[in-house]
Amino acid sequence: MAGMLKGKRVSLRRSDPRDYEAVQRWQNDPLVFRWMDYVRPFALEDIKESEERAAEEGDPFIIDVEGRSMGRTGLNNFRPRDRIASLYIFVGERESWGKGYGRDALMTLLAYAFDTKNLRMVELWTLADNERAIRMYKGCGFLEDGRLRDRSWIEGHYVDHLVMSITAEDFARTRVDYGL
């Protein structure tokens, strides 16, 4: 696993125990909690266990801007035979929303996935009503693979999941446009 990845505006670094309180605060933020489709609040011990498991099973990163931590991203669910992994991402600091940090983090992680990990495809799922995230994913080159109906009970009704993916070839085109 890489130590530090540099994007145009963000750096991605391995998380360490000093990050656990920030990750807990982010994941328990009501809007992050809702968009990430979490089911129960997180205790600090939950974060510690989750971060340790993420480091064993995948490539987790903290999103930093000028030395300030503001979110989490990473790859997991590696399928080596198929050269596919899943991606997750959120910017936890609300004042950093809408400033392009998530997109830069995503593009930086995709460059790592395809250039260093030699993946063929990266996939994700998101809540179908998460319009901001879907716009960002599409802007980075992801295509919608399908819709899974009524997958999450949120705020008194069921919400669909969208499954999206990007191939190395798709990313090569998007990367040129982005300048990474």
N, C-alpha and C. Protein backbone atom coordinates (compact mmCIF):
# COMPACT_ATOMS: atom_id res chain seq x y z
N MET A 1 0.84 -1.18 0.00
CA MET A 1 0.00 0.00 0.00
C MET A 1 0.88 1.24 0.00
N ALA A 2 0.49 2.21 -0.75
CA ALA A 2 1.24 3.47 -0.85
C ALA A 2 1.13 4.25 0.46
N GLY A 3 2.14 5.06 0.75
CA GLY A 3 2.12 5.88 1.94
C GLY A 3 1.35 7.17 1.73
N MET A 4 1.67 7.90 0.65
CA MET A 4 1.04 9.20 0.38
C MET A 4 0.83 9.32 -1.12
N LEU A 5 -0.38 9.70 -1.49
CA LEU A 5 -0.72 9.94 -2.89
C LEU A 5 -1.03 11.42 -3.05
N LYS A 6 -0.50 12.04 -4.10
CA LYS A 6 -0.71 13.46 -4.32
C LYS A 6 -1.63 13.69 -5.50
N GLY A 7 -2.69 14.45 -5.25
CA GLY A 7 -3.57 14.89 -6.30
C GLY A 7 -3.25 16.32 -6.69
N LYS A 8 -4.14 16.94 -7.44
CA LYS A 8 -3.94 18.34 -7.80
C LYS A 8 -4.15 19.25 -6.60
N ARG A 9 -5.12 18.89 -5.73
CA ARG A 9 -5.47 19.75 -4.59
C ARG A 9 -5.43 19.03 -3.25
N VAL A 10 -5.46 17.71 -3.27
CA VAL A 10 -5.49 16.93 -2.02
C VAL A 10 -4.32 15.96 -1.98
N SER A 11 -4.07 15.47 -0.78
CA SER A 11 -3.17 14.34 -0.57
C SER A 11 -3.98 13.24 0.08
N LEU A 12 -3.67 12.02 -0.27
CA LEU A 12 -4.28 10.86 0.38
C LEU A 12 -3.19 10.16 1.15
N ARG A 13 -3.45 9.91 2.44
CA ARG A 13 -2.47 9.23 3.28
C ARG A 13 -3.15 8.14 4.09
N ARG A 14 -2.34 7.19 4.52
CA ARG A 14 -2.86 6.12 5.38
C ARG A 14 -3.40 6.72 6.66
N SER A 15 -4.50 6.16 7.12
CA SER A 15 -5.02 6.63 8.41
C SER A 15 -4.20 6.02 9.54
N ASP A 16 -4.19 6.70 10.67
CA ASP A 16 -3.53 6.16 11.86
C ASP A 16 -4.41 6.48 13.06
N PRO A 17 -4.07 5.95 14.23
CA PRO A 17 -4.95 6.14 15.40
C PRO A 17 -5.26 7.60 15.73
N ARG A 18 -4.42 8.53 15.35
CA ARG A 18 -4.72 9.94 15.62
C ARG A 18 -5.93 10.43 14.82
N ASP A 19 -6.29 9.71 13.77
CA ASP A 19 -7.43 10.09 12.93
C ASP A 19 -8.77 9.57 13.44
N TYR A 20 -8.75 8.64 14.37
CA TYR A 20 -9.97 7.94 14.74
C TYR A 20 -11.06 8.87 15.26
N GLU A 21 -10.71 9.86 16.07
CA GLU A 21 -11.73 10.77 16.59
C GLU A 21 -12.38 11.59 15.47
N ALA A 22 -11.57 12.04 14.52
CA ALA A 22 -12.13 12.80 13.39
C ALA A 22 -13.03 11.90 12.55
N VAL A 23 -12.60 10.68 12.28
CA VAL A 23 -13.41 9.75 11.50
C VAL A 23 -14.73 9.48 12.22
N GLN A 24 -14.67 9.31 13.53
CA GLN A 24 -15.90 9.10 14.30
C GLN A 24 -16.82 10.30 14.17
N ARG A 25 -16.28 11.51 14.31
CA ARG A 25 -17.10 12.72 14.20
C ARG A 25 -17.73 12.81 12.81
N TRP A 26 -16.94 12.56 11.77
CA TRP A 26 -17.46 12.62 10.40
C TRP A 26 -18.57 11.60 10.19
N GLN A 27 -18.30 10.36 10.57
CA GLN A 27 -19.26 9.30 10.29
C GLN A 27 -20.54 9.46 11.09
N ASN A 28 -20.49 10.13 12.23
CA ASN A 28 -21.69 10.38 13.03
C ASN A 28 -22.38 11.69 12.66
N ASP A 29 -21.79 12.48 11.76
CA ASP A 29 -22.47 13.68 11.28
C ASP A 29 -23.76 13.23 10.61
N PRO A 30 -24.90 13.83 10.93
CA PRO A 30 -26.18 13.33 10.39
C PRO A 30 -26.24 13.24 8.87
N LEU A 31 -25.64 14.18 8.16
CA LEU A 31 -25.70 14.12 6.69
C LEU A 31 -24.76 13.06 6.13
N VAL A 32 -23.54 12.97 6.65
CA VAL A 32 -22.62 11.91 6.21
C VAL A 32 -23.25 10.56 6.51
N PHE A 33 -23.78 10.42 7.73
CA PHE A 33 -24.42 9.18 8.17
C PHE A 33 -25.52 8.77 7.19
N ARG A 34 -26.34 9.74 6.77
CA ARG A 34 -27.45 9.45 5.87
C ARG A 34 -26.95 9.06 4.49
N TRP A 35 -26.03 9.85 3.91
CA TRP A 35 -25.58 9.58 2.54
C TRP A 35 -24.73 8.32 2.45
N MET A 36 -24.03 7.97 3.53
CA MET A 36 -23.23 6.74 3.52
C MET A 36 -24.08 5.52 3.89
N ASP A 37 -25.33 5.75 4.26
CA ASP A 37 -26.28 4.69 4.58
C ASP A 37 -25.83 3.84 5.78
N TYR A 38 -25.28 4.53 6.78
CA TYR A 38 -24.93 3.83 8.01
C TYR A 38 -26.20 3.49 8.78
N VAL A 39 -26.13 2.46 9.63
CA VAL A 39 -27.34 2.00 10.32
C VAL A 39 -27.35 2.30 11.81
N ARG A 40 -26.19 2.61 12.39
CA ARG A 40 -26.16 2.94 13.82
C ARG A 40 -24.97 3.86 14.08
N PRO A 41 -25.06 4.67 15.13
CA PRO A 41 -23.94 5.56 15.46
C PRO A 41 -22.67 4.77 15.79
N PHE A 42 -21.55 5.45 15.62
CA PHE A 42 -20.25 4.81 15.81
C PHE A 42 -19.61 5.26 17.11
N ALA A 43 -19.19 4.27 17.93
CA ALA A 43 -18.35 4.54 19.10
C ALA A 43 -16.90 4.57 18.62
N LEU A 44 -16.02 5.14 19.41
CA LEU A 44 -14.61 5.21 19.03
C LEU A 44 -14.04 3.81 18.81
N GLU A 45 -14.46 2.84 19.60
CA GLU A 45 -13.98 1.46 19.42
C GLU A 45 -14.43 0.89 18.07
N ASP A 46 -15.63 1.26 17.61
CA ASP A 46 -16.11 0.84 16.29
C ASP A 46 -15.17 1.35 15.20
N ILE A 47 -14.76 2.62 15.33
CA ILE A 47 -13.87 3.23 14.33
C ILE A 47 -12.53 2.51 14.34
N LYS A 48 -11.99 2.26 15.52
CA LYS A 48 -10.70 1.57 15.63
C LYS A 48 -10.77 0.21 14.92
N GLU A 49 -11.81 -0.56 15.21
CA GLU A 49 -11.96 -1.88 14.59
C GLU A 49 -12.14 -1.77 13.08
N SER A 50 -12.95 -0.80 12.65
CA SER A 50 -13.20 -0.61 11.22
C SER A 50 -11.93 -0.20 10.48
N GLU A 51 -11.17 0.72 11.05
CA GLU A 51 -9.93 1.19 10.41
C GLU A 51 -8.89 0.07 10.34
N GLU A 52 -8.78 -0.72 11.40
CA GLU A 52 -7.83 -1.84 11.40
C GLU A 52 -8.23 -2.89 10.35
N ARG A 53 -9.53 -3.19 10.27
CA ARG A 53 -10.01 -4.14 9.28
C ARG A 53 -9.80 -3.60 7.87
N ALA A 54 -10.08 -2.30 7.68
CA ALA A 54 -9.88 -1.67 6.36
C ALA A 54 -8.43 -1.78 5.93
N ALA A 55 -7.49 -1.59 6.85
CA ALA A 55 -6.06 -1.67 6.51
C ALA A 55 -5.65 -3.10 6.18
N GLU A 56 -6.27 -4.08 6.81
CA GLU A 56 -5.95 -5.49 6.53
C GLU A 56 -6.54 -5.95 5.20
N GLU A 57 -7.74 -5.47 4.89
CA GLU A 57 -8.48 -5.98 3.73
C GLU A 57 -8.42 -5.10 2.50
N GLY A 58 -7.94 -3.87 2.65
CA GLY A 58 -7.97 -2.95 1.52
C GLY A 58 -6.95 -1.85 1.64
N ASP A 59 -7.21 -0.75 0.97
CA ASP A 59 -6.33 0.41 0.95
C ASP A 59 -7.11 1.63 1.41
N PRO A 60 -7.16 1.90 2.73
CA PRO A 60 -7.89 3.06 3.23
C PRO A 60 -6.99 4.30 3.26
N PHE A 61 -7.58 5.47 2.99
CA PHE A 61 -6.84 6.72 3.02
C PHE A 61 -7.65 7.80 3.72
N ILE A 62 -6.93 8.74 4.29
CA ILE A 62 -7.50 9.98 4.81
C ILE A 62 -7.26 11.04 3.73
N ILE A 63 -8.26 11.86 3.47
CA ILE A 63 -8.14 12.96 2.52
C ILE A 63 -7.63 14.18 3.27
N ASP A 64 -6.49 14.71 2.86
CA ASP A 64 -5.89 15.90 3.48
C ASP A 64 -5.82 17.03 2.46
N VAL A 65 -6.05 18.24 2.93
CA VAL A 65 -5.84 19.45 2.14
C VAL A 65 -4.94 20.36 2.96
N GLU A 66 -3.76 20.62 2.46
CA GLU A 66 -2.79 21.49 3.14
C GLU A 66 -2.59 21.07 4.59
N GLY A 67 -2.46 19.75 4.81
CA GLY A 67 -2.20 19.22 6.14
C GLY A 67 -3.42 19.09 7.03
N ARG A 68 -4.59 19.43 6.53
CA ARG A 68 -5.83 19.33 7.32
C ARG A 68 -6.66 18.15 6.82
N SER A 69 -6.98 17.24 7.72
CA SER A 69 -7.78 16.06 7.37
C SER A 69 -9.22 16.47 7.18
N MET A 70 -9.84 15.92 6.12
CA MET A 70 -11.23 16.30 5.87
C MET A 70 -12.12 15.18 5.38
N GLY A 71 -11.60 13.98 5.22
CA GLY A 71 -12.48 12.90 4.78
C GLY A 71 -11.74 11.59 4.63
N ARG A 72 -12.44 10.64 4.06
CA ARG A 72 -11.95 9.27 3.95
C ARG A 72 -12.27 8.72 2.58
N THR A 73 -11.37 7.92 2.06
CA THR A 73 -11.62 7.20 0.81
C THR A 73 -10.79 5.93 0.83
N GLY A 74 -11.07 5.06 -0.10
CA GLY A 74 -10.27 3.84 -0.17
C GLY A 74 -10.84 2.82 -1.12
N LEU A 75 -10.09 1.76 -1.24
CA LEU A 75 -10.47 0.61 -2.06
C LEU A 75 -10.64 -0.58 -1.15
N ASN A 76 -11.62 -1.44 -1.45
CA ASN A 76 -11.81 -2.68 -0.71
C ASN A 76 -12.49 -3.70 -1.62
N ASN A 77 -12.84 -4.82 -1.06
CA ASN A 77 -13.50 -5.89 -1.82
C ASN A 77 -12.74 -6.22 -3.11
N PHE A 78 -11.44 -6.41 -2.97
CA PHE A 78 -10.61 -6.75 -4.12
C PHE A 78 -10.98 -8.13 -4.66
N ARG A 79 -11.09 -8.21 -5.97
CA ARG A 79 -11.33 -9.48 -6.65
C ARG A 79 -10.17 -9.67 -7.63
N PRO A 80 -9.06 -10.25 -7.16
CA PRO A 80 -7.84 -10.32 -7.99
C PRO A 80 -8.03 -11.01 -9.33
N ARG A 81 -8.79 -12.08 -9.38
CA ARG A 81 -8.99 -12.78 -10.65
C ARG A 81 -9.58 -11.85 -11.70
N ASP A 82 -10.53 -11.01 -11.27
CA ASP A 82 -11.24 -10.12 -12.19
C ASP A 82 -10.59 -8.74 -12.29
N ARG A 83 -9.60 -8.47 -11.41
CA ARG A 83 -8.92 -7.17 -11.34
C ARG A 83 -9.92 -6.04 -11.11
N ILE A 84 -10.80 -6.27 -10.12
CA ILE A 84 -11.84 -5.30 -9.75
C ILE A 84 -11.75 -5.04 -8.24
N ALA A 85 -12.02 -3.80 -7.85
CA ALA A 85 -12.16 -3.46 -6.44
C ALA A 85 -13.32 -2.49 -6.31
N SER A 86 -13.79 -2.34 -5.08
CA SER A 86 -14.84 -1.37 -4.76
C SER A 86 -14.21 -0.12 -4.16
N LEU A 87 -14.92 0.98 -4.30
CA LEU A 87 -14.44 2.27 -3.82
C LEU A 87 -15.44 2.87 -2.85
N TYR A 88 -14.94 3.59 -1.87
CA TYR A 88 -15.79 4.39 -0.97
C TYR A 88 -15.14 5.75 -0.78
N ILE A 89 -15.96 6.76 -0.53
CA ILE A 89 -15.43 8.11 -0.34
C ILE A 89 -16.45 8.98 0.37
N PHE A 90 -15.97 9.84 1.26
CA PHE A 90 -16.79 10.94 1.78
C PHE A 90 -15.87 12.05 2.27
N VAL A 91 -16.34 13.28 2.11
CA VAL A 91 -15.71 14.44 2.71
C VAL A 91 -16.52 14.73 3.96
N GLY A 92 -15.88 14.66 5.11
CA GLY A 92 -16.60 14.79 6.38
C GLY A 92 -16.71 16.21 6.91
N GLU A 93 -15.82 17.09 6.50
CA GLU A 93 -15.85 18.48 6.96
C GLU A 93 -16.82 19.27 6.08
N ARG A 94 -17.95 19.65 6.63
CA ARG A 94 -19.01 20.30 5.83
C ARG A 94 -18.54 21.57 5.14
N GLU A 95 -17.65 22.34 5.78
CA GLU A 95 -17.20 23.58 5.15
C GLU A 95 -16.35 23.31 3.92
N SER A 96 -15.96 22.07 3.70
CA SER A 96 -15.16 21.69 2.54
C SER A 96 -16.02 21.12 1.41
N TRP A 97 -17.31 21.00 1.65
CA TRP A 97 -18.20 20.45 0.62
C TRP A 97 -18.33 21.43 -0.54
N GLY A 98 -18.42 20.89 -1.74
CA GLY A 98 -18.66 21.70 -2.92
C GLY A 98 -17.44 22.45 -3.43
N LYS A 99 -16.26 22.12 -2.94
CA LYS A 99 -15.05 22.83 -3.34
C LYS A 99 -14.14 22.01 -4.26
N GLY A 100 -14.60 20.83 -4.66
CA GLY A 100 -13.83 20.01 -5.58
C GLY A 100 -12.84 19.06 -4.93
N TYR A 101 -12.79 19.03 -3.60
CA TYR A 101 -11.84 18.13 -2.92
C TYR A 101 -12.22 16.67 -3.10
N GLY A 102 -13.52 16.38 -3.06
CA GLY A 102 -13.96 15.00 -3.26
C GLY A 102 -13.60 14.50 -4.64
N ARG A 103 -13.82 15.33 -5.65
CA ARG A 103 -13.48 14.92 -7.02
C ARG A 103 -11.98 14.69 -7.16
N ASP A 104 -11.17 15.59 -6.61
CA ASP A 104 -9.73 15.42 -6.70
C ASP A 104 -9.28 14.16 -5.97
N ALA A 105 -9.87 13.91 -4.80
CA ALA A 105 -9.54 12.68 -4.06
C ALA A 105 -9.93 11.45 -4.86
N LEU A 106 -11.09 11.49 -5.48
CA LEU A 106 -11.56 10.36 -6.28
C LEU A 106 -10.64 10.12 -7.48
N MET A 107 -10.29 11.18 -8.19
CA MET A 107 -9.40 11.04 -9.35
C MET A 107 -8.02 10.52 -8.93
N THR A 108 -7.53 10.98 -7.79
CA THR A 108 -6.23 10.54 -7.27
C THR A 108 -6.29 9.06 -6.90
N LEU A 109 -7.38 8.65 -6.25
CA LEU A 109 -7.53 7.24 -5.88
C LEU A 109 -7.67 6.37 -7.12
N LEU A 110 -8.39 6.84 -8.13
CA LEU A 110 -8.53 6.05 -9.36
C LEU A 110 -7.19 5.91 -10.08
N ALA A 111 -6.37 6.96 -10.10
CA ALA A 111 -5.04 6.85 -10.70
C ALA A 111 -4.23 5.77 -9.98
N TYR A 112 -4.32 5.74 -8.66
CA TYR A 112 -3.64 4.70 -7.87
C TYR A 112 -4.20 3.32 -8.22
N ALA A 113 -5.52 3.22 -8.30
CA ALA A 113 -6.16 1.93 -8.58
C ALA A 113 -5.71 1.35 -9.91
N PHE A 114 -5.66 2.20 -10.94
CA PHE A 114 -5.33 1.70 -12.27
C PHE A 114 -3.82 1.65 -12.53
N ASP A 115 -3.08 2.62 -12.04
CA ASP A 115 -1.64 2.67 -12.32
C ASP A 115 -0.83 1.76 -11.41
N THR A 116 -1.15 1.75 -10.13
CA THR A 116 -0.34 1.01 -9.15
C THR A 116 -0.91 -0.37 -8.86
N LYS A 117 -2.21 -0.45 -8.67
CA LYS A 117 -2.84 -1.73 -8.33
C LYS A 117 -3.17 -2.56 -9.56
N ASN A 118 -3.02 -1.97 -10.74
CA ASN A 118 -3.27 -2.66 -12.01
C ASN A 118 -4.69 -3.23 -12.09
N LEU A 119 -5.65 -2.46 -11.60
CA LEU A 119 -7.03 -2.90 -11.70
C LEU A 119 -7.56 -2.64 -13.11
N ARG A 120 -8.57 -3.39 -13.47
CA ARG A 120 -9.25 -3.25 -14.75
C ARG A 120 -10.52 -2.43 -14.59
N MET A 121 -11.11 -2.50 -13.38
CA MET A 121 -12.37 -1.83 -13.12
C MET A 121 -12.47 -1.49 -11.63
N VAL A 122 -13.12 -0.36 -11.36
CA VAL A 122 -13.46 0.03 -9.99
C VAL A 122 -14.97 0.24 -9.96
N GLU A 123 -15.61 -0.29 -8.93
CA GLU A 123 -17.05 -0.20 -8.82
C GLU A 123 -17.44 0.46 -7.50
N LEU A 124 -18.68 0.92 -7.43
CA LEU A 124 -19.21 1.50 -6.21
C LEU A 124 -20.72 1.38 -6.24
N TRP A 125 -21.32 1.62 -5.10
CA TRP A 125 -22.77 1.80 -5.06
C TRP A 125 -23.03 3.06 -4.24
N THR A 126 -24.12 3.71 -4.53
CA THR A 126 -24.53 4.90 -3.81
C THR A 126 -26.05 4.92 -3.73
N LEU A 127 -26.56 5.67 -2.79
CA LEU A 127 -28.00 5.86 -2.72
C LEU A 127 -28.45 6.62 -3.96
N ALA A 128 -29.55 6.18 -4.55
CA ALA A 128 -30.01 6.75 -5.82
C ALA A 128 -30.46 8.21 -5.68
N ASP A 129 -30.72 8.67 -4.47
CA ASP A 129 -31.11 10.07 -4.29
C ASP A 129 -29.92 10.97 -3.91
N ASN A 130 -28.70 10.44 -3.95
CA ASN A 130 -27.50 11.22 -3.63
C ASN A 130 -27.01 11.91 -4.91
N GLU A 131 -27.76 12.92 -5.33
CA GLU A 131 -27.52 13.56 -6.62
C GLU A 131 -26.15 14.20 -6.74
N ARG A 132 -25.67 14.83 -5.67
CA ARG A 132 -24.34 15.46 -5.72
C ARG A 132 -23.25 14.42 -5.96
N ALA A 133 -23.32 13.31 -5.25
CA ALA A 133 -22.31 12.26 -5.42
C ALA A 133 -22.40 11.67 -6.82
N ILE A 134 -23.61 11.43 -7.30
CA ILE A 134 -23.78 10.83 -8.63
C ILE A 134 -23.20 11.75 -9.70
N ARG A 135 -23.43 13.06 -9.59
CA ARG A 135 -22.83 14.02 -10.54
C ARG A 135 -21.31 13.94 -10.50
N MET A 136 -20.74 13.84 -9.29
CA MET A 136 -19.29 13.75 -9.16
C MET A 136 -18.78 12.46 -9.79
N TYR A 137 -19.43 11.33 -9.49
CA TYR A 137 -18.99 10.05 -10.05
C TYR A 137 -19.04 10.09 -11.58
N LYS A 138 -20.13 10.60 -12.12
CA LYS A 138 -20.23 10.68 -13.59
C LYS A 138 -19.18 11.63 -14.15
N GLY A 139 -18.91 12.73 -13.46
CA GLY A 139 -17.88 13.67 -13.90
C GLY A 139 -16.49 13.06 -13.90
N CYS A 140 -16.29 12.03 -13.09
CA CYS A 140 -15.00 11.33 -13.04
C CYS A 140 -14.96 10.16 -14.02
N GLY A 141 -16.05 9.90 -14.73
CA GLY A 141 -16.06 8.85 -15.74
C GLY A 141 -16.84 7.60 -15.39
N PHE A 142 -17.46 7.55 -14.21
CA PHE A 142 -18.25 6.38 -13.85
C PHE A 142 -19.53 6.32 -14.69
N LEU A 143 -19.93 5.11 -15.02
CA LEU A 143 -21.18 4.86 -15.72
C LEU A 143 -22.10 4.06 -14.81
N GLU A 144 -23.39 4.26 -14.97
CA GLU A 144 -24.36 3.52 -14.18
C GLU A 144 -24.51 2.12 -14.75
N ASP A 145 -24.31 1.12 -13.89
CA ASP A 145 -24.47 -0.28 -14.29
C ASP A 145 -25.88 -0.79 -14.03
N GLY A 146 -26.50 -0.28 -12.97
CA GLY A 146 -27.82 -0.76 -12.66
C GLY A 146 -28.38 -0.12 -11.42
N ARG A 147 -29.64 -0.38 -11.19
CA ARG A 147 -30.37 0.15 -10.04
C ARG A 147 -30.91 -1.05 -9.26
N LEU A 148 -30.65 -1.05 -7.97
CA LEU A 148 -31.18 -2.07 -7.08
C LEU A 148 -32.33 -1.42 -6.30
N ARG A 149 -33.52 -1.91 -6.55
CA ARG A 149 -34.72 -1.28 -5.99
C ARG A 149 -34.86 -1.49 -4.49
N ASP A 150 -35.31 -0.42 -3.82
CA ASP A 150 -35.75 -0.50 -2.42
C ASP A 150 -34.73 -1.18 -1.50
N ARG A 151 -33.48 -0.78 -1.55
CA ARG A 151 -32.43 -1.46 -0.78
C ARG A 151 -32.21 -0.92 0.62
N SER A 152 -32.55 0.35 0.88
CA SER A 152 -32.29 0.93 2.21
C SER A 152 -33.53 1.67 2.72
N TRP A 153 -33.89 1.36 3.96
CA TRP A 153 -35.02 2.03 4.62
C TRP A 153 -34.48 3.30 5.28
N ILE A 154 -34.83 4.46 4.72
CA ILE A 154 -34.31 5.73 5.21
C ILE A 154 -35.45 6.73 5.31
N GLU A 155 -35.56 7.35 6.47
CA GLU A 155 -36.52 8.43 6.68
C GLU A 155 -37.94 8.04 6.27
N GLY A 156 -38.33 6.82 6.62
CA GLY A 156 -39.71 6.39 6.41
C GLY A 156 -40.05 5.84 5.05
N HIS A 157 -39.04 5.62 4.20
CA HIS A 157 -39.32 5.00 2.90
C HIS A 157 -38.06 4.28 2.39
N TYR A 158 -38.26 3.45 1.39
CA TYR A 158 -37.13 2.73 0.81
C TYR A 158 -36.46 3.58 -0.26
N VAL A 159 -35.15 3.47 -0.34
CA VAL A 159 -34.34 4.19 -1.32
C VAL A 159 -33.58 3.16 -2.15
N ASP A 160 -33.55 3.39 -3.45
CA ASP A 160 -32.80 2.51 -4.36
C ASP A 160 -31.30 2.75 -4.20
N HIS A 161 -30.52 1.76 -4.62
CA HIS A 161 -29.07 1.90 -4.74
C HIS A 161 -28.73 1.95 -6.22
N LEU A 162 -27.76 2.79 -6.58
CA LEU A 162 -27.20 2.77 -7.93
C LEU A 162 -25.85 2.09 -7.86
N VAL A 163 -25.61 1.19 -8.79
CA VAL A 163 -24.31 0.54 -8.93
C VAL A 163 -23.63 1.20 -10.13
N MET A 164 -22.39 1.65 -9.92
CA MET A 164 -21.66 2.35 -10.97
C MET A 164 -20.26 1.76 -11.06
N SER A 165 -19.64 1.92 -12.23
CA SER A 165 -18.27 1.44 -12.39
C SER A 165 -17.53 2.30 -13.41
N ILE A 166 -16.22 2.15 -13.37
CA ILE A 166 -15.34 2.81 -14.33
C ILE A 166 -14.24 1.82 -14.69
N THR A 167 -13.90 1.75 -15.97
CA THR A 167 -12.81 0.88 -16.42
C THR A 167 -11.54 1.70 -16.55
N ALA A 168 -10.44 1.00 -16.68
CA ALA A 168 -9.16 1.68 -16.89
C ALA A 168 -9.21 2.53 -18.16
N GLU A 169 -9.87 2.02 -19.20
CA GLU A 169 -9.97 2.77 -20.46
C GLU A 169 -10.82 4.03 -20.29
N ASP A 170 -11.94 3.91 -19.57
CA ASP A 170 -12.78 5.08 -19.29
C ASP A 170 -11.98 6.13 -18.52
N PHE A 171 -11.24 5.67 -17.53
CA PHE A 171 -10.48 6.59 -16.70
C PHE A 171 -9.37 7.29 -17.50
N ALA A 172 -8.77 6.58 -18.42
CA ALA A 172 -7.69 7.18 -19.24
C ALA A 172 -8.22 8.42 -19.97
N ARG A 173 -9.45 8.35 -20.46
CA ARG A 173 -10.04 9.51 -21.15
C ARG A 173 -10.38 10.63 -20.17
N THR A 174 -11.00 10.30 -19.05
CA THR A 174 -11.38 11.29 -18.05
C THR A 174 -10.15 11.97 -17.46
N ARG A 175 -9.10 11.19 -17.26
CA ARG A 175 -7.86 11.71 -16.66
C ARG A 175 -7.24 12.78 -17.53
N VAL A 176 -7.26 12.60 -18.85
CA VAL A 176 -6.70 13.60 -19.75
C VAL A 176 -7.47 14.90 -19.60
N ASP A 177 -8.80 14.82 -19.58
CA ASP A 177 -9.63 16.02 -19.43
C ASP A 177 -9.37 16.71 -18.10
N TYR A 178 -9.13 15.92 -17.06
CA TYR A 178 -8.92 16.47 -15.71
C TYR A 178 -7.49 17.03 -15.55
N GLY A 179 -6.57 16.48 -16.31
CA GLY A 179 -5.19 16.95 -16.22
C GLY A 179 -4.38 16.31 -15.12
N LEU A 180 -4.67 15.06 -14.84
CA LEU A 180 -3.95 14.34 -13.77
C LEU A 180 -3.01 13.33 -14.36
